[in-house]
Amino acid sequence: QVQLVESGGGLVQAGGSLRLSCAASGRTFSNYAMGWFRQAPGKEREFVAVISWSGGTTYYADSVKGHFTISRDNAKKTVSLQMNSLKPEDTAVYYCAQHRGMTVTTTPVTSDFRAWGQGTQVTVSS
């Protein structure tokens, strides 16, 4: 079973940037697509971004398109989320997740993923 550990969260002012990282254990990291979700207080967990097994295909939620970039390094077993031009509404706990398959759809849902990290808090102040 893969284990996922996120890092890089913190407090940032609006307009600032953060880079989240997710380190994976296990030998099958490169066989699966990876994604990021977030959950704000009192809200459901929502899709942020997803990347295919090779890194060749990425999809983003409309709310972050053009501001966030997902990437992966299969040799290092990491997936990252570069977040620029952050807004207060980006405040949430961000979760890394491993997809059940190699390829992805434009708007994956939580049940498409088989493993989750513990989350990292991102707080954007106005």
Foldseek 3Di string as FASTA:
>chain_A
DKAKAKDWADEEAAQAKIKMKIAIDDDCLLFWKKFKWWDDPPGDIAGAKIAFSVRPDMAGDPVQPPFKDWGDDVVRRMIMIIGGRDDQVVWTWMKMFTAPGRDDDRGDDPVRTDDIYPTDTHGYHD
